[in-house]
Each structure stands twice: as C-alpha cells, then as structure tokens.
C-alpha cells in the first residue's frame, strides 16, 4: 500500500473525490484482498478450511500461475482499478447444503472486501474441493454389511 500527495484519492488508479486540501493514493495488493476474502470465507458456517490444491488445468476457472504468494492458501485475487475478482477453493462440512454455503461465502467475501477496501467484487468463484467427513468412532473403520 502506498500513499502520495495528489489531486484526489486513488485506489489502484481509481480517482475518488476527497474533501480538504490533502489527497492520498492508496493501492491494495492482490495478496491483501486474498487475505480479506480468506478470512471472510472461513467464518461462514459449513466451511472447514480453504484448500491449497490447484485443480485440473482444464477447470472452468483455471488458476493463473504466479498470482498467489501463499499469503492466503486456497484464495486467488486479481485486483483492478476499482474491481476485484476472487477465486476460492474450500473444504466444506459433510451434510451441509453446499449451494447455500457457497452463496453465503460469496456474500461475506463481497461485503468484507467492499467494507475494507472500497473495491467492487465482480466475481467470487467458489470451488468445493473436498468434504470434511466426521470421524467414525475411536479408530474403528465403518463396516460394510
């Protein structure tokens, strides 16, 4: 994030009107937005964790190599002048309504990123990469009848 004097407030090049005589430039990095999105997603009931796996190369929303520094595993953010696109891979709790969990994740991510950065999130792509299964007794595997 950087701040400089100028004629308006800028977030990744997007000028905003300010009151007063001093204006500053604030830039949000992809990693900062990814961390915000990851924290928001992990707070949604039904989300167990975020997944670091990258998925198949022919997936509908492929991961772009080099877009994540590992700051927020399972989250890739691309920040433009006024907007952001976020891809998340998550592990959900078995037995939850996965469509509902994904919808809640989208709402929380959009709300958190907007509140903290004033960036408009145009896409939140959620991949349910795995399910967390409850343990089956103390060391006893399930039995097939």
N, C-alpha and C. Protein backbone atom coordinates (compact mmCIF):
# COMPACT_ATOMS: atom_id res chain seq x y z
N UNK A 1 0.85 -1.17 0.00
CA UNK A 1 0.00 0.00 0.00
C UNK A 1 0.89 1.23 0.00
N UNK A 2 0.58 2.22 -0.81
CA UNK A 2 1.39 3.43 -0.85
C UNK A 2 0.50 4.65 -0.79
N UNK A 3 1.06 5.71 -0.25
CA UNK A 3 0.33 6.97 -0.18
C UNK A 3 1.21 8.07 -0.74
N UNK A 4 0.63 8.91 -1.60
CA UNK A 4 1.35 10.06 -2.15
C UNK A 4 0.41 11.24 -2.22
N UNK A 5 0.97 12.43 -2.23
CA UNK A 5 0.13 13.62 -2.37
C UNK A 5 -0.34 13.74 -3.80
N UNK A 6 -1.51 14.31 -4.00
CA UNK A 6 -2.04 14.47 -5.35
C UNK A 6 -3.36 15.19 -5.32
N UNK A 7 -4.10 15.09 -6.42
CA UNK A 7 -5.34 15.83 -6.56
C UNK A 7 -6.59 15.05 -6.22
N UNK A 8 -6.49 13.84 -5.72
CA UNK A 8 -7.66 13.04 -5.39
C UNK A 8 -7.23 11.75 -4.72
N UNK A 9 -8.16 10.98 -4.24
CA UNK A 9 -7.84 9.69 -3.63
C UNK A 9 -7.94 8.63 -4.70
N UNK A 10 -6.94 7.77 -4.79
CA UNK A 10 -6.91 6.75 -5.82
C UNK A 10 -6.71 5.38 -5.20
N UNK A 11 -7.55 4.43 -5.58
CA UNK A 11 -7.37 3.03 -5.22
C UNK A 11 -7.10 2.31 -6.51
N UNK A 12 -5.86 1.82 -6.68
CA UNK A 12 -5.44 1.17 -7.91
C UNK A 12 -5.82 2.00 -9.13
N UNK A 13 -5.55 3.29 -9.08
CA UNK A 13 -5.79 4.15 -10.22
C UNK A 13 -7.18 4.76 -10.31
N UNK A 14 -8.10 4.36 -9.45
CA UNK A 14 -9.46 4.88 -9.50
C UNK A 14 -9.55 6.13 -8.63
N UNK A 15 -9.70 7.29 -9.26
CA UNK A 15 -9.72 8.55 -8.53
C UNK A 15 -11.04 8.76 -7.82
N UNK A 16 -10.97 9.18 -6.58
CA UNK A 16 -12.16 9.49 -5.80
C UNK A 16 -12.04 10.92 -5.31
N UNK A 17 -13.16 11.59 -5.19
CA UNK A 17 -13.17 12.97 -4.71
C UNK A 17 -12.95 12.97 -3.20
N UNK A 18 -12.13 13.88 -2.73
CA UNK A 18 -11.88 14.00 -1.30
C UNK A 18 -12.21 15.40 -0.84
N UNK A 19 -12.51 15.52 0.44
CA UNK A 19 -12.74 16.85 1.00
C UNK A 19 -11.44 17.30 1.64
N UNK A 20 -11.20 18.56 1.69
CA UNK A 20 -9.97 19.08 2.27
C UNK A 20 -8.93 19.31 1.19
N UNK A 21 -7.74 19.72 1.62
CA UNK A 21 -6.70 20.07 0.66
C UNK A 21 -5.69 18.96 0.42
N UNK A 22 -5.63 17.95 1.27
CA UNK A 22 -4.65 16.90 1.10
C UNK A 22 -5.32 15.64 0.55
N UNK A 23 -4.76 15.10 -0.52
CA UNK A 23 -5.26 13.86 -1.10
C UNK A 23 -4.15 12.83 -1.09
N UNK A 24 -4.51 11.57 -1.06
CA UNK A 24 -3.54 10.49 -1.00
C UNK A 24 -3.92 9.38 -1.96
N UNK A 25 -2.94 8.56 -2.32
CA UNK A 25 -3.17 7.39 -3.16
C UNK A 25 -2.98 6.15 -2.30
N UNK A 26 -3.95 5.26 -2.34
CA UNK A 26 -3.87 4.00 -1.62
C UNK A 26 -4.03 2.87 -2.61
N UNK A 27 -3.11 1.93 -2.58
CA UNK A 27 -3.15 0.80 -3.50
C UNK A 27 -3.30 -0.49 -2.70
N UNK A 28 -4.25 -1.32 -3.10
CA UNK A 28 -4.46 -2.62 -2.45
C UNK A 28 -3.80 -3.69 -3.29
N UNK A 29 -2.98 -4.53 -2.68
CA UNK A 29 -2.36 -5.61 -3.43
C UNK A 29 -3.32 -6.79 -3.55
N UNK A 30 -3.04 -7.65 -4.52
CA UNK A 30 -3.82 -8.87 -4.69
C UNK A 30 -3.80 -9.70 -3.41
N UNK A 31 -2.63 -9.78 -2.77
CA UNK A 31 -2.49 -10.58 -1.55
C UNK A 31 -3.35 -10.06 -0.41
N UNK A 32 -3.43 -8.74 -0.27
CA UNK A 32 -4.26 -8.17 0.80
C UNK A 32 -5.72 -8.53 0.58
N UNK A 33 -6.20 -8.40 -0.64
CA UNK A 33 -7.59 -8.74 -0.94
C UNK A 33 -7.82 -10.24 -0.74
N UNK A 34 -6.83 -11.08 -1.10
CA UNK A 34 -6.96 -12.52 -0.90
C UNK A 34 -7.06 -12.87 0.58
N UNK A 35 -6.28 -12.21 1.41
CA UNK A 35 -6.35 -12.47 2.86
C UNK A 35 -7.72 -12.07 3.41
N UNK A 36 -8.22 -10.92 3.01
CA UNK A 36 -9.55 -10.48 3.46
C UNK A 36 -10.61 -11.50 3.05
N UNK A 37 -10.55 -11.95 1.80
CA UNK A 37 -11.52 -12.92 1.29
C UNK A 37 -11.41 -14.25 2.03
N UNK A 38 -10.19 -14.69 2.30
CA UNK A 38 -9.99 -15.95 3.01
C UNK A 38 -10.54 -15.93 4.42
N UNK A 39 -10.30 -14.85 5.12
CA UNK A 39 -10.83 -14.72 6.49
C UNK A 39 -12.35 -14.70 6.47
N UNK A 40 -12.93 -13.98 5.51
CA UNK A 40 -14.39 -13.92 5.40
C UNK A 40 -14.96 -15.30 5.10
N UNK A 41 -14.34 -16.03 4.19
CA UNK A 41 -14.84 -17.36 3.80
C UNK A 41 -14.76 -18.34 4.96
N UNK A 42 -13.66 -18.34 5.70
CA UNK A 42 -13.50 -19.27 6.82
C UNK A 42 -14.50 -19.01 7.94
N UNK A 43 -15.06 -17.83 8.00
CA UNK A 43 -16.03 -17.50 9.03
C UNK A 43 -17.44 -17.98 8.73
N UNK A 44 -17.66 -18.53 7.55
CA UNK A 44 -19.01 -18.99 7.15
C UNK A 44 -19.25 -20.38 7.71
N UNK A 45 -20.39 -20.59 8.41
CA UNK A 45 -20.71 -21.93 8.90
C UNK A 45 -20.76 -22.93 7.75
N UNK A 46 -20.13 -24.09 7.95
CA UNK A 46 -20.08 -25.11 6.92
C UNK A 46 -18.75 -25.15 6.20
N UNK A 47 -17.95 -24.08 6.32
CA UNK A 47 -16.62 -24.05 5.73
C UNK A 47 -15.64 -24.55 6.79
N UNK A 48 -14.94 -25.64 6.46
CA UNK A 48 -13.99 -26.23 7.40
C UNK A 48 -12.61 -25.60 7.21
N UNK A 49 -12.22 -25.41 5.95
CA UNK A 49 -10.90 -24.86 5.64
C UNK A 49 -10.89 -24.41 4.19
N UNK A 50 -9.79 -23.78 3.81
CA UNK A 50 -9.56 -23.45 2.41
C UNK A 50 -8.54 -24.45 1.88
N UNK A 51 -8.70 -24.86 0.63
CA UNK A 51 -7.87 -25.89 0.04
C UNK A 51 -6.77 -25.28 -0.81
N UNK A 52 -5.55 -25.81 -0.66
CA UNK A 52 -4.42 -25.30 -1.44
C UNK A 52 -4.28 -25.97 -2.79
N UNK A 53 -5.01 -27.04 -3.03
CA UNK A 53 -4.89 -27.75 -4.30
C UNK A 53 -5.30 -26.83 -5.44
N UNK A 54 -4.65 -27.00 -6.59
CA UNK A 54 -4.91 -26.11 -7.72
C UNK A 54 -5.93 -26.65 -8.69
N UNK A 55 -6.30 -27.90 -8.61
CA UNK A 55 -7.32 -28.44 -9.50
C UNK A 55 -6.78 -28.78 -10.87
N UNK A 56 -7.65 -29.25 -11.73
CA UNK A 56 -7.26 -29.66 -13.07
C UNK A 56 -6.96 -28.45 -13.94
N UNK A 57 -5.99 -28.57 -14.85
CA UNK A 57 -5.66 -27.43 -15.70
C UNK A 57 -6.78 -27.01 -16.64
N UNK A 58 -7.74 -27.91 -16.92
CA UNK A 58 -8.84 -27.55 -17.82
C UNK A 58 -10.10 -27.17 -17.07
N UNK A 59 -9.96 -26.80 -15.79
CA UNK A 59 -11.11 -26.38 -14.99
C UNK A 59 -11.72 -25.12 -15.59
N UNK A 60 -13.03 -24.87 -15.36
CA UNK A 60 -13.67 -23.69 -15.94
C UNK A 60 -13.03 -22.37 -15.53
N UNK A 61 -12.50 -22.29 -14.31
CA UNK A 61 -11.83 -21.08 -13.85
C UNK A 61 -10.42 -21.47 -13.41
N UNK A 62 -9.50 -21.67 -14.39
CA UNK A 62 -8.17 -22.15 -14.03
C UNK A 62 -7.40 -21.14 -13.20
N UNK A 63 -6.50 -21.65 -12.40
CA UNK A 63 -5.65 -20.80 -11.58
C UNK A 63 -4.53 -20.27 -12.44
N UNK A 64 -4.21 -19.02 -12.29
CA UNK A 64 -3.15 -18.41 -13.07
C UNK A 64 -1.86 -18.55 -12.27
N UNK A 65 -0.85 -19.25 -12.84
CA UNK A 65 0.40 -19.41 -12.10
C UNK A 65 1.00 -18.08 -11.71
N UNK A 66 1.49 -18.00 -10.50
CA UNK A 66 2.15 -16.79 -10.03
C UNK A 66 1.23 -15.73 -9.49
N UNK A 67 -0.07 -15.99 -9.36
CA UNK A 67 -0.96 -14.94 -8.88
C UNK A 67 -1.14 -14.97 -7.37
N UNK A 68 -0.61 -15.99 -6.71
CA UNK A 68 -0.73 -16.06 -5.27
C UNK A 68 0.62 -16.33 -4.66
N UNK A 69 0.97 -15.61 -3.62
CA UNK A 69 2.27 -15.78 -2.99
C UNK A 69 2.19 -16.73 -1.81
N UNK A 70 1.06 -17.36 -1.60
CA UNK A 70 0.93 -18.24 -0.46
C UNK A 70 0.44 -17.52 0.78
N UNK A 71 0.16 -16.23 0.67
CA UNK A 71 -0.33 -15.46 1.79
C UNK A 71 -1.69 -15.95 2.24
N UNK A 72 -2.52 -16.35 1.29
CA UNK A 72 -3.87 -16.84 1.58
C UNK A 72 -4.09 -18.12 0.78
N UNK A 73 -3.61 -19.25 1.29
CA UNK A 73 -3.77 -20.50 0.55
C UNK A 73 -5.24 -20.78 0.25
N UNK A 74 -5.51 -21.22 -0.98
CA UNK A 74 -6.88 -21.51 -1.38
C UNK A 74 -7.62 -20.31 -1.94
N UNK A 75 -6.97 -19.16 -2.00
CA UNK A 75 -7.61 -17.94 -2.49
C UNK A 75 -6.69 -17.26 -3.50
N UNK A 76 -7.26 -16.89 -4.63
CA UNK A 76 -6.54 -16.10 -5.62
C UNK A 76 -7.38 -14.86 -5.90
N UNK A 77 -6.76 -13.69 -5.80
CA UNK A 77 -7.46 -12.43 -6.07
C UNK A 77 -6.74 -11.69 -7.18
N UNK A 78 -7.51 -11.11 -8.07
CA UNK A 78 -6.99 -10.25 -9.12
C UNK A 78 -7.65 -8.89 -8.94
N UNK A 79 -6.84 -7.89 -8.63
CA UNK A 79 -7.35 -6.56 -8.32
C UNK A 79 -7.08 -5.62 -9.49
N UNK A 80 -8.14 -4.96 -9.94
CA UNK A 80 -8.02 -3.97 -11.00
C UNK A 80 -8.10 -2.57 -10.41
N UNK A 81 -8.48 -1.61 -11.24
CA UNK A 81 -8.54 -0.23 -10.78
C UNK A 81 -9.60 0.00 -9.71
N UNK A 82 -10.78 -0.54 -9.93
CA UNK A 82 -11.89 -0.34 -8.99
C UNK A 82 -12.57 -1.63 -8.60
N UNK A 83 -12.13 -2.74 -9.18
CA UNK A 83 -12.83 -4.01 -9.01
C UNK A 83 -11.86 -5.13 -8.65
N UNK A 84 -12.43 -6.22 -8.17
CA UNK A 84 -11.64 -7.40 -7.86
C UNK A 84 -12.41 -8.65 -8.26
N UNK A 85 -11.67 -9.68 -8.66
CA UNK A 85 -12.22 -10.99 -8.95
C UNK A 85 -11.52 -11.95 -8.01
N UNK A 86 -12.29 -12.83 -7.37
CA UNK A 86 -11.73 -13.71 -6.36
C UNK A 86 -12.14 -15.15 -6.65
N UNK A 87 -11.17 -16.06 -6.61
CA UNK A 87 -11.41 -17.49 -6.73
C UNK A 87 -11.05 -18.13 -5.40
N UNK A 88 -11.96 -18.97 -4.88
CA UNK A 88 -11.73 -19.68 -3.62
C UNK A 88 -11.93 -21.17 -3.81
N UNK A 89 -11.10 -21.97 -3.16
CA UNK A 89 -11.26 -23.42 -3.09
C UNK A 89 -11.44 -23.76 -1.63
N UNK A 90 -12.55 -24.42 -1.31
CA UNK A 90 -12.81 -24.69 0.10
C UNK A 90 -13.14 -26.14 0.39
N UNK A 91 -12.99 -26.48 1.66
CA UNK A 91 -13.40 -27.77 2.19
C UNK A 91 -14.64 -27.50 3.02
N UNK A 92 -15.73 -28.21 2.69
CA UNK A 92 -17.00 -27.98 3.38
C UNK A 92 -17.31 -29.16 4.30
N UNK A 93 -18.12 -28.88 5.29
CA UNK A 93 -18.57 -29.92 6.23
C UNK A 93 -19.57 -30.83 5.52
N UNK A 94 -19.35 -32.14 5.63
CA UNK A 94 -20.28 -33.11 5.04
C UNK A 94 -21.67 -32.92 5.66
N UNK A 95 -22.70 -33.00 4.84
CA UNK A 95 -24.06 -32.88 5.33
C UNK A 95 -24.62 -31.48 5.24
N UNK A 96 -23.80 -30.50 4.89
CA UNK A 96 -24.31 -29.14 4.75
C UNK A 96 -24.86 -28.94 3.34
N UNK A 97 -25.69 -27.95 3.18
CA UNK A 97 -26.21 -27.57 1.87
C UNK A 97 -25.09 -26.81 1.16
N UNK A 98 -24.41 -27.46 0.24
CA UNK A 98 -23.21 -26.89 -0.38
C UNK A 98 -23.52 -25.64 -1.21
N UNK A 99 -24.67 -25.61 -1.85
CA UNK A 99 -25.05 -24.43 -2.63
C UNK A 99 -25.27 -23.24 -1.70
N UNK A 100 -25.90 -23.49 -0.56
CA UNK A 100 -26.12 -22.44 0.43
C UNK A 100 -24.80 -21.95 1.02
N UNK A 101 -23.89 -22.87 1.32
CA UNK A 101 -22.58 -22.49 1.85
C UNK A 101 -21.86 -21.60 0.85
N UNK A 102 -21.85 -21.99 -0.43
CA UNK A 102 -21.18 -21.19 -1.46
C UNK A 102 -21.81 -19.80 -1.58
N UNK A 103 -23.14 -19.72 -1.51
CA UNK A 103 -23.83 -18.42 -1.59
C UNK A 103 -23.46 -17.54 -0.40
N UNK A 104 -23.40 -18.14 0.79
CA UNK A 104 -23.00 -17.37 1.98
C UNK A 104 -21.57 -16.89 1.88
N UNK A 105 -20.69 -17.74 1.36
CA UNK A 105 -19.29 -17.35 1.17
C UNK A 105 -19.23 -16.15 0.24
N UNK A 106 -19.95 -16.20 -0.87
CA UNK A 106 -19.94 -15.07 -1.81
C UNK A 106 -20.38 -13.78 -1.13
N UNK A 107 -21.49 -13.86 -0.39
CA UNK A 107 -22.00 -12.64 0.29
C UNK A 107 -20.98 -12.09 1.27
N UNK A 108 -20.39 -12.95 2.08
CA UNK A 108 -19.43 -12.49 3.10
C UNK A 108 -18.17 -11.91 2.46
N UNK A 109 -17.68 -12.56 1.41
CA UNK A 109 -16.48 -12.06 0.74
C UNK A 109 -16.74 -10.70 0.11
N UNK A 110 -17.84 -10.57 -0.63
CA UNK A 110 -18.17 -9.29 -1.26
C UNK A 110 -18.30 -8.19 -0.21
N UNK A 111 -19.01 -8.48 0.87
CA UNK A 111 -19.22 -7.50 1.93
C UNK A 111 -17.92 -7.09 2.60
N UNK A 112 -17.08 -8.05 2.94
CA UNK A 112 -15.82 -7.75 3.64
C UNK A 112 -14.86 -6.97 2.76
N UNK A 113 -14.71 -7.38 1.51
CA UNK A 113 -13.78 -6.68 0.61
C UNK A 113 -14.26 -5.26 0.36
N UNK A 114 -15.55 -5.08 0.11
CA UNK A 114 -16.09 -3.74 -0.12
C UNK A 114 -15.91 -2.85 1.11
N UNK A 115 -16.22 -3.39 2.28
CA UNK A 115 -16.13 -2.61 3.52
C UNK A 115 -14.69 -2.18 3.82
N UNK A 116 -13.75 -3.08 3.57
CA UNK A 116 -12.37 -2.79 3.96
C UNK A 116 -11.56 -2.08 2.89
N UNK A 117 -11.93 -2.23 1.61
CA UNK A 117 -11.10 -1.67 0.54
C UNK A 117 -11.84 -0.73 -0.40
N UNK A 118 -13.15 -0.71 -0.36
CA UNK A 118 -14.00 0.03 -1.28
C UNK A 118 -13.89 -0.48 -2.71
N UNK A 119 -13.33 -1.67 -2.89
CA UNK A 119 -13.30 -2.30 -4.22
C UNK A 119 -14.60 -3.05 -4.44
N UNK A 120 -15.13 -2.98 -5.66
CA UNK A 120 -16.32 -3.73 -6.02
C UNK A 120 -15.88 -5.11 -6.51
N UNK A 121 -16.43 -6.14 -5.88
CA UNK A 121 -16.10 -7.50 -6.27
C UNK A 121 -17.07 -7.92 -7.37
N UNK A 122 -16.54 -8.17 -8.56
CA UNK A 122 -17.39 -8.51 -9.70
C UNK A 122 -17.65 -10.02 -9.81
N UNK A 123 -16.74 -10.84 -9.28
CA UNK A 123 -16.92 -12.29 -9.31
C UNK A 123 -16.32 -12.90 -8.06
N UNK A 124 -17.02 -13.87 -7.51
CA UNK A 124 -16.46 -14.74 -6.47
C UNK A 124 -16.75 -16.16 -6.95
N UNK A 125 -15.72 -16.83 -7.43
CA UNK A 125 -15.84 -18.19 -7.94
C UNK A 125 -15.47 -19.15 -6.82
N UNK A 126 -16.44 -19.98 -6.42
CA UNK A 126 -16.24 -20.90 -5.30
C UNK A 126 -16.18 -22.33 -5.84
N UNK A 127 -15.11 -23.02 -5.50
CA UNK A 127 -14.98 -24.43 -5.82
C UNK A 127 -14.99 -25.20 -4.51
N UNK A 128 -15.94 -26.12 -4.36
CA UNK A 128 -15.94 -27.01 -3.20
C UNK A 128 -15.00 -28.14 -3.59
N UNK A 129 -13.78 -28.09 -3.06
CA UNK A 129 -12.72 -29.01 -3.46
C UNK A 129 -12.74 -30.32 -2.70
N UNK A 130 -13.35 -30.31 -1.51
CA UNK A 130 -13.36 -31.52 -0.69
C UNK A 130 -14.43 -31.39 0.37
N UNK A 131 -14.77 -32.53 0.97
CA UNK A 131 -15.71 -32.57 2.08
C UNK A 131 -15.00 -33.09 3.31
N UNK A 132 -15.32 -32.51 4.44
CA UNK A 132 -14.80 -32.99 5.71
C UNK A 132 -15.80 -33.99 6.25
N UNK A 133 -15.35 -35.25 6.41
CA UNK A 133 -16.22 -36.31 6.90
C UNK A 133 -16.03 -36.47 8.40
N UNK A 134 -17.12 -36.68 9.14
CA UNK A 134 -16.99 -36.88 10.58
C UNK A 134 -16.25 -38.19 10.86
N UNK A 135 -15.52 -38.23 11.96
CA UNK A 135 -14.80 -39.44 12.36
C UNK A 135 -15.79 -40.56 12.65
N UNK A 136 -15.42 -41.77 12.32
CA UNK A 136 -16.30 -42.93 12.52
C UNK A 136 -15.84 -43.71 13.74
N UNK A 137 -16.09 -43.21 14.93
CA UNK A 137 -15.72 -43.92 16.16
C UNK A 137 -14.25 -43.78 16.45
N UNK A 138 -13.84 -44.29 17.57
CA UNK A 138 -12.45 -44.17 18.02
C UNK A 138 -11.57 -45.21 17.34
N UNK A 139 -11.08 -44.91 16.16
CA UNK A 139 -10.16 -45.81 15.47
C UNK A 139 -10.83 -47.01 14.82
N UNK A 140 -12.13 -47.10 14.82
CA UNK A 140 -12.81 -48.24 14.19
C UNK A 140 -13.35 -47.82 12.83
N UNK A 141 -12.92 -48.49 11.79
CA UNK A 141 -13.46 -48.14 10.47
C UNK A 141 -14.91 -48.57 10.36
N UNK A 142 -15.65 -47.91 9.44
CA UNK A 142 -17.04 -48.28 9.22
C UNK A 142 -17.13 -49.69 8.66
N UNK A 143 -18.20 -50.37 8.93
CA UNK A 143 -18.36 -51.74 8.48
C UNK A 143 -19.36 -51.81 7.33
N UNK A 144 -19.04 -52.64 6.35
CA UNK A 144 -19.93 -52.87 5.22
C UNK A 144 -20.74 -54.10 5.50
N UNK A 145 -22.06 -54.07 5.34
CA UNK A 145 -22.91 -55.24 5.59
C UNK A 145 -23.34 -55.85 4.30
